[in-house]
Amino acid sequence: MSTELVLASTMFVAIGLIIVGIFLATRLIGPKNKDAKLKNTVYESGVSNPVGNTNIRFSVKFYLVAISFLLFDVEIIFMFPWAVNVVELGYAGLFKMFFFMGLLFAGLIYIYKKKALEWD
C-alpha cells in the first residue's frame, strides 16, 4: 500500500472523528431546553402569536424579477474583464462582446414580450 493512500485514509478517519467529537461535545456541553412546548412555538419578528395564515403564496413574478436581476448582474461580471482588456482583444473581442450583449438584449426583449416585468 502506498504511503499517500495511508496518509489520505488516516486524514479522512481523523477528520471524521473530529467532526463526531464536535457534535458529541456540543450535545453534552450545550444548553438543554426541557420545555419542548415553548421551544416548538412560532416566533417571527418579535411576534409570538402571528395573526392570520403564515403559509401565503407569493406571486411567481417575484421570482422572475429576481432571476432576471441575477442574469443581468452576471452580465456585468463578464463585462468588467472585457473592459479592462478591450485594447488587447482588438476587433475580434469587440465583435464577440457585441454578440454577447445582443444575446442578452434578445433575452430582455423576450422577458418584456412575456410581460414578466409588468405588475397588475
Protein backbone atom coordinates (compact mmCIF):
# COMPACT_ATOMS: atom_id res chain seq x y z
CA MET A 1 0.00 0.00 0.00
CA SER A 2 1.36 3.44 -0.91
CA THR A 3 2.16 6.00 1.74
CA GLU A 4 -0.13 8.57 0.11
CA LEU A 5 -3.10 6.21 0.42
CA VAL A 6 -2.32 5.52 4.07
CA LEU A 7 -1.93 9.23 4.79
CA ALA A 8 -5.16 10.12 2.97
CA SER A 9 -7.18 7.41 4.73
CA THR A 10 -5.73 8.40 8.11
CA MET A 11 -6.64 12.04 7.50
CA PHE A 12 -10.14 11.02 6.37
CA VAL A 13 -10.71 8.98 9.52
CA ALA A 14 -9.21 11.72 11.74
CA ILE A 15 -11.45 14.40 10.23
CA GLY A 16 -14.47 12.15 10.67
CA LEU A 17 -13.60 11.52 14.32
CA ILE A 18 -13.09 15.24 14.93
CA ILE A 19 -16.50 16.04 13.44
CA VAL A 20 -18.20 13.33 15.51
CA GLY A 21 -16.37 14.61 18.60
CA ILE A 22 -17.55 18.17 17.98
CA PHE A 23 -21.16 17.00 17.65
CA LEU A 24 -20.92 14.95 20.84
CA ALA A 25 -19.27 17.82 22.73
CA THR A 26 -21.99 20.27 21.73
CA ARG A 27 -24.64 17.73 22.75
CA LEU A 28 -23.05 17.24 26.18
CA ILE A 29 -21.90 20.80 26.92
CA GLY A 30 -24.64 22.81 25.20
CA PRO A 31 -27.73 24.20 26.92
CA LYS A 32 -30.76 21.98 27.23
CA ASN A 33 -34.33 23.18 26.96
CA LYS A 34 -36.67 20.90 28.88
CA ASP A 35 -39.80 22.84 27.86
CA ALA A 36 -40.45 21.42 24.38
CA LYS A 37 -43.85 23.14 24.15
CA LEU A 38 -42.26 26.59 24.36
CA LYS A 39 -39.45 25.53 22.03
CA ASN A 40 -41.84 24.48 19.27
CA THR A 41 -43.94 27.68 19.26
CA VAL A 42 -43.79 30.17 16.40
CA TYR A 43 -41.68 33.30 16.81
CA GLU A 44 -41.46 35.71 13.87
CA SER A 45 -40.05 39.21 14.03
CA GLY A 46 -40.77 39.65 17.72
CA VAL A 47 -44.38 38.45 17.45
CA SER A 48 -45.10 35.35 19.48
CA ASN A 49 -48.65 34.81 18.19
CA PRO A 50 -48.86 35.55 14.46
CA VAL A 51 -52.11 36.89 13.07
CA GLY A 52 -53.57 35.15 10.03
CA ASN A 53 -52.19 32.39 7.88
CA THR A 54 -48.40 32.29 7.61
CA ASN A 55 -48.44 30.00 4.58
CA ILE A 56 -49.29 32.64 1.99
CA ARG A 57 -48.27 32.05 -1.62
CA PHE A 58 -46.05 34.57 -3.36
CA SER A 59 -46.57 35.55 -6.96
CA VAL A 60 -44.18 33.96 -9.44
CA LYS A 61 -43.36 37.47 -10.67
CA PHE A 62 -41.13 37.99 -7.63
CA TYR A 63 -39.02 35.04 -8.72
CA LEU A 64 -38.96 36.15 -12.36
CA VAL A 65 -37.68 39.57 -11.38
CA ALA A 66 -35.06 38.02 -9.08
CA ILE A 67 -33.80 35.62 -11.76
CA SER A 68 -33.74 38.41 -14.34
CA PHE A 69 -31.74 40.57 -11.95
CA LEU A 70 -29.23 37.77 -11.40
CA LEU A 71 -28.93 37.16 -15.13
CA PHE A 72 -28.15 40.78 -15.91
CA ASP A 73 -25.96 41.11 -12.83
CA VAL A 74 -23.79 38.24 -14.02
CA GLU A 75 -23.54 40.04 -17.35
CA ILE A 76 -21.69 42.83 -15.60
CA ILE A 77 -19.23 40.32 -14.14
CA PHE A 78 -18.29 39.26 -17.67
CA MET A 79 -18.11 42.83 -18.95
CA PHE A 80 -15.53 44.11 -16.44
CA PRO A 81 -12.63 41.89 -17.61
CA TRP A 82 -13.54 42.68 -21.20
CA ALA A 83 -13.45 46.42 -20.47
CA VAL A 84 -10.01 46.09 -18.90
CA ASN A 85 -8.59 44.15 -21.87
CA VAL A 86 -10.53 45.75 -24.72
CA VAL A 87 -7.42 47.17 -26.37
CA GLU A 88 -5.56 43.84 -26.29
CA LEU A 89 -8.56 41.89 -27.61
CA GLY A 90 -8.91 44.08 -30.69
CA TYR A 91 -11.82 43.97 -33.09
CA ALA A 92 -12.44 40.26 -32.54
CA GLY A 93 -13.06 40.88 -28.84
CA LEU A 94 -15.26 43.85 -29.67
CA PHE A 95 -17.46 41.81 -32.01
CA LYS A 96 -17.66 38.95 -29.50
CA MET A 97 -18.83 41.36 -26.81
CA PHE A 98 -21.39 42.87 -29.17
CA PHE A 99 -22.66 39.35 -29.89
CA PHE A 100 -22.83 38.62 -26.14
CA MET A 101 -24.69 41.85 -25.45
CA GLY A 102 -27.00 41.14 -28.38
CA LEU A 103 -27.93 37.77 -26.85
CA LEU A 104 -28.64 39.44 -23.53
CA PHE A 105 -30.70 42.12 -25.25
CA ALA A 106 -32.69 39.38 -27.00
CA GLY A 107 -33.30 37.83 -23.56
CA LEU A 108 -34.50 41.19 -22.26
CA ILE A 109 -36.88 41.54 -25.21
CA TYR A 110 -38.16 38.01 -24.55
CA ILE A 111 -38.80 38.88 -20.89
CA TYR A 112 -40.57 42.07 -21.97
CA LYS A 113 -42.72 40.24 -24.54
CA LYS A 114 -43.74 37.65 -21.92
CA LYS A 115 -44.82 40.58 -19.70
CA ALA A 116 -42.72 39.30 -16.82
CA LEU A 117 -41.91 42.83 -15.70
CA GLU A 118 -45.49 44.12 -15.61
CA TRP A 119 -47.26 44.29 -12.26
CA ASP A 120 -51.04 44.05 -12.07
